[in-house]
């Protein structure tokens, strides 16, 4: 089941990035942080994409607007990350 985690309405993109980074640092993680959001093109204007990108949040808009296309893009990215970052 895919869970949707909308961006908080009361936080701007910079605050979202800083809060996530701060939370991870408090848990001892000091590495690089990347955030990707898989969104519907209808709900995300080019202006919003730019604002989030400037804050360090990569916006992914699958060519196919279906939920299954978003899930597919997400799973491919997870698999690629796992290949690039082996546990050993």
PDB file of N, CA and C in Angstrom:
ATOM      1  N   UNK A   1       0.841  -1.175   0.000  1.00  0.00           N
ATOM      2  CA  UNK A   1       0.000   0.000   0.000  1.00  0.00           C
ATOM      3  C   UNK A   1       0.884   1.236   0.000  1.00  0.00           C
ATOM      4  N   UNK A   2       0.570   2.177  -0.851  1.00  0.00           N
ATOM      5  CA  UNK A   2       1.310   3.430  -0.922  1.00  0.00           C
ATOM      6  C   UNK A   2       0.701   4.419   0.051  1.00  0.00           C
ATOM      7  N   UNK A   3       1.530   5.016   0.878  1.00  0.00           N
ATOM      8  CA  UNK A   3       1.055   6.045   1.801  1.00  0.00           C
ATOM      9  C   UNK A   3       1.435   7.405   1.246  1.00  0.00           C
ATOM     10  N   UNK A   4       0.526   8.319   1.360  1.00  0.00           N
ATOM     11  CA  UNK A   4       0.784   9.672   0.899  1.00  0.00           C
ATOM     12  C   UNK A   4       1.165  10.530   2.099  1.00  0.00           C
ATOM     13  N   UNK A   5       2.232  11.272   1.961  1.00  0.00           N
ATOM     14  CA  UNK A   5       2.695  12.156   3.014  1.00  0.00           C
ATOM     15  C   UNK A   5       2.772  13.567   2.449  1.00  0.00           C
ATOM     16  N   UNK A   6       1.679  14.314   2.533  1.00  0.00           N
ATOM     17  CA  UNK A   6       1.686  15.663   1.965  1.00  0.00           C
ATOM     18  C   UNK A   6       2.654  16.573   2.717  1.00  0.00           C
ATOM     19  N   UNK A   7       3.153  17.575   2.002  1.00  0.00           N
ATOM     20  CA  UNK A   7       3.993  18.569   2.653  1.00  0.00           C
ATOM     21  C   UNK A   7       3.145  19.322   3.673  1.00  0.00           C
ATOM     22  N   UNK A   8       3.707  19.634   4.841  1.00  0.00           N
ATOM     23  CA  UNK A   8       2.947  20.397   5.838  1.00  0.00           C
ATOM     24  C   UNK A   8       2.576  21.777   5.289  1.00  0.00           C
ATOM     25  N   UNK A   9       1.325  22.168   5.477  1.00  0.00           N
ATOM     26  CA  UNK A   9       0.862  23.464   4.971  1.00  0.00           C
ATOM     27  C   UNK A   9       1.525  24.637   5.667  1.00  0.00           C
ATOM     28  N   UNK A  10       1.935  24.443   6.917  1.00  0.00           N
ATOM     29  CA  UNK A  10       2.481  25.555   7.688  1.00  0.00           C
ATOM     30  C   UNK A  10       3.995  25.721   7.542  1.00  0.00           C
ATOM     31  N   UNK A  11       4.626  24.913   6.689  1.00  0.00           N
ATOM     32  CA  UNK A  11       6.076  25.010   6.506  1.00  0.00           C
ATOM     33  C   UNK A  11       6.433  25.284   5.052  1.00  0.00           C
ATOM     34  N   UNK A  12       7.379  26.186   4.862  1.00  0.00           N
ATOM     35  CA  UNK A  12       7.886  26.442   3.518  1.00  0.00           C
ATOM     36  C   UNK A  12       8.927  25.370   3.183  1.00  0.00           C
ATOM     37  N   UNK A  13       9.275  25.226   1.903  1.00  0.00           N
ATOM     38  CA  UNK A  13      10.219  24.170   1.501  1.00  0.00           C
ATOM     39  C   UNK A  13      11.556  24.217   2.239  1.00  0.00           C
ATOM     40  N   UNK A  14      12.093  25.419   2.478  1.00  0.00           N
ATOM     41  CA  UNK A  14      13.361  25.516   3.214  1.00  0.00           C
ATOM     42  C   UNK A  14      13.222  24.945   4.623  1.00  0.00           C
ATOM     43  N   UNK A  15      12.107  25.249   5.279  1.00  0.00           N
ATOM     44  CA  UNK A  15      11.876  24.740   6.635  1.00  0.00           C
ATOM     45  C   UNK A  15      11.716  23.226   6.640  1.00  0.00           C
ATOM     46  N   UNK A  16      11.036  22.690   5.638  1.00  0.00           N
ATOM     47  CA  UNK A  16      10.874  21.239   5.539  1.00  0.00           C
ATOM     48  C   UNK A  16      12.246  20.580   5.456  1.00  0.00           C
ATOM     49  N   UNK A  17      13.106  21.090   4.579  1.00  0.00           N
ATOM     50  CA  UNK A  17      14.442  20.522   4.408  1.00  0.00           C
ATOM     51  C   UNK A  17      15.248  20.632   5.707  1.00  0.00           C
ATOM     52  N   UNK A  18      15.247  21.837   6.304  1.00  0.00           N
ATOM     53  CA  UNK A  18      16.020  22.050   7.535  1.00  0.00           C
ATOM     54  C   UNK A  18      15.525  21.150   8.671  1.00  0.00           C
ATOM     55  N   UNK A  19      14.203  21.013   8.795  1.00  0.00           N
ATOM     56  CA  UNK A  19      13.650  20.169   9.862  1.00  0.00           C
ATOM     57  C   UNK A  19      14.055  18.711   9.693  1.00  0.00           C
ATOM     58  N   UNK A  20      13.994  18.203   8.472  1.00  0.00           N
ATOM     59  CA  UNK A  20      14.392  16.814   8.221  1.00  0.00           C
ATOM     60  C   UNK A  20      15.875  16.627   8.514  1.00  0.00           C
ATOM     61  N   UNK A  21      16.695  17.571   8.051  1.00  0.00           N
ATOM     62  CA  UNK A  21      18.140  17.483   8.278  1.00  0.00           C
ATOM     63  C   UNK A  21      18.457  17.534   9.774  1.00  0.00           C
ATOM     64  N   UNK A  22      17.799  18.431  10.485  1.00  0.00           N
ATOM     65  CA  UNK A  22      18.016  18.563  11.923  1.00  0.00           C
ATOM     66  C   UNK A  22      17.602  17.290  12.667  1.00  0.00           C
ATOM     67  N   UNK A  23      16.478  16.716  12.290  1.00  0.00           N
ATOM     68  CA  UNK A  23      16.013  15.476  12.930  1.00  0.00           C
ATOM     69  C   UNK A  23      17.018  14.349  12.734  1.00  0.00           C
ATOM     70  N   UNK A  24      17.540  14.227  11.517  1.00  0.00           N
ATOM     71  CA  UNK A  24      18.526  13.180  11.240  1.00  0.00           C
ATOM     72  C   UNK A  24      19.825  13.421  12.001  1.00  0.00           C
ATOM     73  N   UNK A  25      20.255  14.687  12.094  1.00  0.00           N
ATOM     74  CA  UNK A  25      21.481  15.003  12.831  1.00  0.00           C
ATOM     75  C   UNK A  25      21.332  14.657  14.309  1.00  0.00           C
ATOM     76  N   UNK A  26      20.142  14.898  14.871  1.00  0.00           N
ATOM     77  CA  UNK A  26      19.897  14.559  16.277  1.00  0.00           C
ATOM     78  C   UNK A  26      19.980  13.056  16.511  1.00  0.00           C
ATOM     79  N   UNK A  27      19.731  12.276  15.469  1.00  0.00           N
ATOM     80  CA  UNK A  27      19.831  10.815  15.571  1.00  0.00           C
ATOM     81  C   UNK A  27      21.236  10.326  15.228  1.00  0.00           C
ATOM     82  N   UNK A  28      22.171  11.265  14.990  1.00  0.00           N
ATOM     83  CA  UNK A  28      23.550  10.895  14.735  1.00  0.00           C
ATOM     84  C   UNK A  28      23.934  10.780  13.273  1.00  0.00           C
ATOM     85  N   UNK A  29      22.999  11.026  12.378  1.00  0.00           N
ATOM     86  CA  UNK A  29      23.296  10.929  10.946  1.00  0.00           C
ATOM     87  C   UNK A  29      23.897  12.244  10.474  1.00  0.00           C
ATOM     88  N   UNK A  30      25.077  12.180   9.891  1.00  0.00           N
ATOM     89  CA  UNK A  30      25.764  13.393   9.448  1.00  0.00           C
ATOM     90  C   UNK A  30      26.008  13.419   7.942  1.00  0.00           C
ATOM     91  N   UNK A  31      25.502  12.446   7.218  1.00  0.00           N
ATOM     92  CA  UNK A  31      25.732  12.368   5.777  1.00  0.00           C
ATOM     93  C   UNK A  31      24.873  13.350   4.999  1.00  0.00           C
ATOM     94  N   UNK A  32      24.998  13.267   3.703  1.00  0.00           N
ATOM     95  CA  UNK A  32      24.215  14.128   2.813  1.00  0.00           C
ATOM     96  C   UNK A  32      22.743  13.730   2.871  1.00  0.00           C
ATOM     97  N   UNK A  33      21.880  14.703   2.705  1.00  0.00           N
ATOM     98  CA  UNK A  33      20.439  14.467   2.705  1.00  0.00           C
ATOM     99  C   UNK A  33      19.884  14.782   1.326  1.00  0.00           C
ATOM    100  N   UNK A  34      19.104  13.867   0.808  1.00  0.00           N
ATOM    101  CA  UNK A  34      18.369  14.162  -0.422  1.00  0.00           C
ATOM    102  C   UNK A  34      16.912  13.806  -0.183  1.00  0.00           C
ATOM    103  N   UNK A  35      16.044  14.679  -0.629  1.00  0.00           N
ATOM    104  CA  UNK A  35      14.605  14.469  -0.499  1.00  0.00           C
ATOM    105  C   UNK A  35      14.017  14.505  -1.895  1.00  0.00           C
ATOM    106  N   UNK A  36      13.235  13.485  -2.216  1.00  0.00           N
ATOM    107  CA  UNK A  36      12.530  13.438  -3.495  1.00  0.00           C
ATOM    108  C   UNK A  36      11.043  13.351  -3.213  1.00  0.00           C
ATOM    109  N   UNK A  37      10.269  14.102  -3.967  1.00  0.00           N
ATOM    110  CA  UNK A  37       8.811  14.053  -3.848  1.00  0.00           C
ATOM    111  C   UNK A  37       8.236  13.674  -5.201  1.00  0.00           C
ATOM    112  N   UNK A  38       7.400  12.681  -5.205  1.00  0.00           N
ATOM    113  CA  UNK A  38       6.763  12.178  -6.426  1.00  0.00           C
ATOM    114  C   UNK A  38       5.362  12.775  -6.464  1.00  0.00           C
ATOM    115  N   UNK A  39       5.126  13.674  -7.415  1.00  0.00           N
ATOM    116  CA  UNK A  39       3.903  14.485  -7.392  1.00  0.00           C
ATOM    117  C   UNK A  39       3.109  14.376  -8.688  1.00  0.00           C
ATOM    118  N   UNK A  40       1.853  14.807  -8.598  1.00  0.00           N
ATOM    119  CA  UNK A  40       0.998  14.939  -9.774  1.00  0.00           C
ATOM    120  C   UNK A  40       1.295  16.268 -10.445  1.00  0.00           C
ATOM    121  N   UNK A  41       1.462  16.265 -11.750  1.00  0.00           N
ATOM    122  CA  UNK A  41       1.734  17.501 -12.477  1.00  0.00           C
ATOM    123  C   UNK A  41       0.606  18.509 -12.287  1.00  0.00           C
ATOM    124  N   UNK A  42      -0.631  18.011 -12.211  1.00  0.00           N
ATOM    125  CA  UNK A  42      -1.785  18.894 -12.041  1.00  0.00           C
ATOM    126  C   UNK A  42      -1.705  19.702 -10.757  1.00  0.00           C
ATOM    127  N   UNK A  43      -1.092  19.151  -9.737  1.00  0.00           N
ATOM    128  CA  UNK A  43      -1.062  19.790  -8.426  1.00  0.00           C
ATOM    129  C   UNK A  43       0.214  20.583  -8.168  1.00  0.00           C
ATOM    130  N   UNK A  44       1.167  20.510  -9.073  1.00  0.00           N
ATOM    131  CA  UNK A  44       2.450  21.167  -8.855  1.00  0.00           C
ATOM    132  C   UNK A  44       2.808  22.005 -10.072  1.00  0.00           C
ATOM    133  N   UNK A  45       2.745  23.313  -9.926  1.00  0.00           N
ATOM    134  CA  UNK A  45       3.078  24.210 -11.028  1.00  0.00           C
ATOM    135  C   UNK A  45       4.593  24.260 -11.215  1.00  0.00           C
ATOM    136  N   UNK A  46       5.016  24.779 -12.361  1.00  0.00           N
ATOM    137  CA  UNK A  46       6.454  24.945 -12.605  1.00  0.00           C
ATOM    138  C   UNK A  46       7.081  25.840 -11.544  1.00  0.00           C
ATOM    139  N   UNK A  47       6.340  26.850 -11.095  1.00  0.00           N
ATOM    140  CA  UNK A  47       6.839  27.741 -10.052  1.00  0.00           C
ATOM    141  C   UNK A  47       7.091  27.007  -8.748  1.00  0.00           C
ATOM    142  N   UNK A  48       6.179  26.120  -8.381  1.00  0.00           N
ATOM    143  CA  UNK A  48       6.365  25.330  -7.160  1.00  0.00           C
ATOM    144  C   UNK A  48       7.543  24.380  -7.288  1.00  0.00           C
ATOM    145  N   UNK A  49       7.695  23.786  -8.453  1.00  0.00           N
ATOM    146  CA  UNK A  49       8.840  22.894  -8.683  1.00  0.00           C
ATOM    147  C   UNK A  49      10.129  23.657  -8.437  1.00  0.00           C
ATOM    148  N   UNK A  50      10.203  24.875  -8.941  1.00  0.00           N
ATOM    149  CA  UNK A  50      11.395  25.703  -8.778  1.00  0.00           C
ATOM    150  C   UNK A  50      11.651  26.038  -7.308  1.00  0.00           C
ATOM    151  N   UNK A  51      10.603  26.409  -6.587  1.00  0.00           N
ATOM    152  CA  UNK A  51      10.747  26.767  -5.168  1.00  0.00           C
ATOM    153  C   UNK A  51      11.255  25.572  -4.358  1.00  0.00           C
ATOM    154  N   UNK A  52      10.675  24.410  -4.583  1.00  0.00           N
ATOM    155  CA  UNK A  52      11.106  23.218  -3.849  1.00  0.00           C
ATOM    156  C   UNK A  52      12.515  22.791  -4.269  1.00  0.00           C
ATOM    157  N   UNK A  53      12.811  22.882  -5.544  1.00  0.00           N
ATOM    158  CA  UNK A  53      14.153  22.527  -6.025  1.00  0.00           C
ATOM    159  C   UNK A  53      15.204  23.432  -5.404  1.00  0.00           C
ATOM    160  N   UNK A  54      14.907  24.727  -5.322  1.00  0.00           N
ATOM    161  CA  UNK A  54      15.844  25.671  -4.713  1.00  0.00           C
ATOM    162  C   UNK A  54      16.105  25.342  -3.245  1.00  0.00           C
ATOM    163  N   UNK A  55      15.131  24.712  -2.585  1.00  0.00           N
ATOM    164  CA  UNK A  55      15.276  24.347  -1.176  1.00  0.00           C
ATOM    165  C   UNK A  55      15.977  23.003  -0.995  1.00  0.00           C
ATOM    166  N   UNK A  56      16.298  22.325  -2.100  1.00  0.00           N
ATOM    167  CA  UNK A  56      16.980  21.040  -1.995  1.00  0.00           C
ATOM    168  C   UNK A  56      16.054  19.842  -2.052  1.00  0.00           C
ATOM    169  N   UNK A  57      14.801  20.068  -2.427  1.00  0.00           N
ATOM    170  CA  UNK A  57      13.827  18.986  -2.534  1.00  0.00           C
ATOM    171  C   UNK A  57      13.575  18.737  -4.011  1.00  0.00           C
ATOM    172  N   UNK A  58      13.972  17.551  -4.472  1.00  0.00           N
ATOM    173  CA  UNK A  58      13.812  17.218  -5.888  1.00  0.00           C
ATOM    174  C   UNK A  58      12.377  16.771  -6.147  1.00  0.00           C
ATOM    175  N   UNK A  59      11.747  17.414  -7.112  1.00  0.00           N
ATOM    176  CA  UNK A  59      10.374  17.086  -7.475  1.00  0.00           C
ATOM    177  C   UNK A  59      10.399  16.152  -8.677  1.00  0.00           C
ATOM    178  N   UNK A  60       9.760  15.004  -8.533  1.00  0.00           N
ATOM    179  CA  UNK A  60       9.674  14.013  -9.599  1.00  0.00           C
ATOM    180  C   UNK A  60       8.237  13.999 -10.109  1.00  0.00           C
ATOM    181  N   UNK A  61       8.070  14.275 -11.399  1.00  0.00           N
ATOM    182  CA  UNK A  61       6.749  14.223 -12.027  1.00  0.00           C
ATOM    183  C   UNK A  61       6.802  13.144 -13.102  1.00  0.00           C
ATOM    184  N   UNK A  62       6.252  11.967 -12.800  1.00  0.00           N
ATOM    185  CA  UNK A  62       6.268  10.891 -13.802  1.00  0.00           C
ATOM    186  C   UNK A  62       5.509  11.298 -15.063  1.00  0.00           C
ATOM    187  N   UNK A  63       5.955  10.796 -16.208  1.00  0.00           N
ATOM    188  CA  UNK A  63       5.275  11.113 -17.473  1.00  0.00           C
ATOM    189  C   UNK A  63       3.836  10.640 -17.451  1.00  0.00           C
ATOM    190  N   UNK A  64       3.624   9.457 -16.921  1.00  0.00           N
ATOM    191  CA  UNK A  64       2.270   8.921 -16.774  1.00  0.00           C
ATOM    192  C   UNK A  64       1.742   9.426 -15.434  1.00  0.00           C
ATOM    193  N   UNK A  65       0.575  10.024 -15.431  1.00  0.00           N
ATOM    194  CA  UNK A  65       0.037  10.642 -14.217  1.00  0.00           C
ATOM    195  C   UNK A  65      -0.578   9.658 -13.228  1.00  0.00           C
ATOM    196  N   UNK A  66      -0.599   8.390 -13.539  1.00  0.00           N
ATOM    197  CA  UNK A  66      -1.266   7.428 -12.660  1.00  0.00           C
ATOM    198  C   UNK A  66      -0.468   7.193 -11.378  1.00  0.00           C
ATOM    199  N   UNK A  67      -1.170   6.738 -10.360  1.00  0.00           N
ATOM    200  CA  UNK A  67      -0.505   6.413  -9.102  1.00  0.00           C
ATOM    201  C   UNK A  67       0.493   5.282  -9.303  1.00  0.00           C
ATOM    202  N   UNK A  68       0.153   4.337 -10.165  1.00  0.00           N
ATOM    203  CA  UNK A  68       1.080   3.224 -10.403  1.00  0.00           C
ATOM    204  C   UNK A  68       2.379   3.715 -11.037  1.00  0.00           C
ATOM    205  N   UNK A  69       2.317   4.750 -11.855  1.00  0.00           N
ATOM    206  CA  UNK A  69       3.535   5.315 -12.449  1.00  0.00           C
ATOM    207  C   UNK A  69       4.396   5.976 -11.378  1.00  0.00           C
ATOM    208  N   UNK A  70       3.756   6.669 -10.430  1.00  0.00           N
ATOM    209  CA  UNK A  70       4.512   7.284  -9.333  1.00  0.00           C
ATOM    210  C   UNK A  70       5.180   6.205  -8.483  1.00  0.00           C
ATOM    211  N   UNK A  71       4.441   5.146  -8.184  1.00  0.00           N
ATOM    212  CA  UNK A  71       5.001   4.047  -7.393  1.00  0.00           C
ATOM    213  C   UNK A  71       6.162   3.397  -8.141  1.00  0.00           C
ATOM    214  N   UNK A  72       6.000   3.183  -9.432  1.00  0.00           N
ATOM    215  CA  UNK A  72       7.064   2.589 -10.241  1.00  0.00           C
ATOM    216  C   UNK A  72       8.322   3.462 -10.191  1.00  0.00           C
ATOM    217  N   UNK A  73       8.166   4.771 -10.389  1.00  0.00           N
ATOM    218  CA  UNK A  73       9.315   5.688 -10.337  1.00  0.00           C
ATOM    219  C   UNK A  73       9.997   5.625  -8.977  1.00  0.00           C
ATOM    220  N   UNK A  74       9.202   5.597  -7.929  1.00  0.00           N
ATOM    221  CA  UNK A  74       9.737   5.525  -6.576  1.00  0.00           C
ATOM    222  C   UNK A  74      10.528   4.237  -6.365  1.00  0.00           C
ATOM    223  N   UNK A  75       9.970   3.116  -6.778  1.00  0.00           N
ATOM    224  CA  UNK A  75      10.648   1.833  -6.589  1.00  0.00           C
ATOM    225  C   UNK A  75      11.927   1.727  -7.413  1.00  0.00           C
ATOM    226  N   UNK A  76      11.913   2.257  -8.621  1.00  0.00           N
ATOM    227  CA  UNK A  76      13.133   2.267  -9.442  1.00  0.00           C
ATOM    228  C   UNK A  76      14.207   3.100  -8.754  1.00  0.00           C
ATOM    229  N   UNK A  77      13.827   4.268  -8.219  1.00  0.00           N
ATOM    230  CA  UNK A  77      14.804   5.111  -7.528  1.00  0.00           C
ATOM    231  C   UNK A  77      15.354   4.424  -6.277  1.00  0.00           C
ATOM    232  N   UNK A  78      14.501   3.726  -5.537  1.00  0.00           N
ATOM    233  CA  UNK A  78      14.967   3.001  -4.354  1.00  0.00           C
ATOM    234  C   UNK A  78      15.959   1.910  -4.763  1.00  0.00           C
ATOM    235  N   UNK A  79      15.632   1.175  -5.803  1.00  0.00           N
ATOM    236  CA  UNK A  79      16.530   0.112  -6.277  1.00  0.00           C
ATOM    237  C   UNK A  79      17.864   0.689  -6.739  1.00  0.00           C
ATOM    238  N   UNK A  80      17.831   1.797  -7.466  1.00  0.00           N
ATOM    239  CA  UNK A  80      19.075   2.426  -7.927  1.00  0.00           C
ATOM    240  C   UNK A  80      19.907   2.907  -6.739  1.00  0.00           C
ATOM    241  N   UNK A  81      19.254   3.489  -5.737  1.00  0.00           N
ATOM    242  CA  UNK A  81      19.967   3.947  -4.551  1.00  0.00           C
ATOM    243  C   UNK A  81      20.633   2.759  -3.854  1.00  0.00           C
ATOM    244  N   UNK A  82      19.899   1.654  -3.735  1.00  0.00           N
ATOM    245  CA  UNK A  82      20.450   0.464  -3.074  1.00  0.00           C
ATOM    246  C   UNK A  82      21.676  -0.067  -3.816  1.00  0.00           C
ATOM    247  N   UNK A  83      21.639  -0.035  -5.136  1.00  0.00           N
ATOM    248  CA  UNK A  83      22.792  -0.487  -5.917  1.00  0.00           C
ATOM    249  C   UNK A  83      23.989   0.439  -5.742  1.00  0.00           C
ATOM    250  N   UNK A  84      23.719   1.734  -5.645  1.00  0.00           N
ATOM    251  CA  UNK A  84      24.798   2.718  -5.506  1.00  0.00           C
ATOM    252  C   UNK A  84      25.331   2.803  -4.080  1.00  0.00           C
ATOM    253  N   UNK A  85      24.574   2.301  -3.115  1.00  0.00           N
ATOM    254  CA  UNK A  85      24.945   2.401  -1.700  1.00  0.00           C
ATOM    255  C   UNK A  85      24.826   1.045  -1.010  1.00  0.00           C
ATOM    256  N   UNK A  86      25.674   0.086  -1.390  1.00  0.00           N
ATOM    257  CA  UNK A  86      25.582  -1.241  -0.775  1.00  0.00           C
ATOM    258  C   UNK A  86      25.904  -1.181   0.721  1.00  0.00           C
ATOM    259  N   UNK A  87      25.311  -2.086   1.466  1.00  0.00           N
ATOM    260  CA  UNK A  87      25.497  -2.112   2.923  1.00  0.00           C
ATOM    261  C   UNK A  87      26.909  -2.512   3.325  1.00  0.00           C
ATOM    262  N   UNK A  88      27.627  -3.228   2.479  1.00  0.00           N
ATOM    263  CA  UNK A  88      28.968  -3.692   2.856  1.00  0.00           C
ATOM    264  C   UNK A  88      30.040  -2.790   2.317  1.00  0.00           C
TER     265      UNK A  88
END
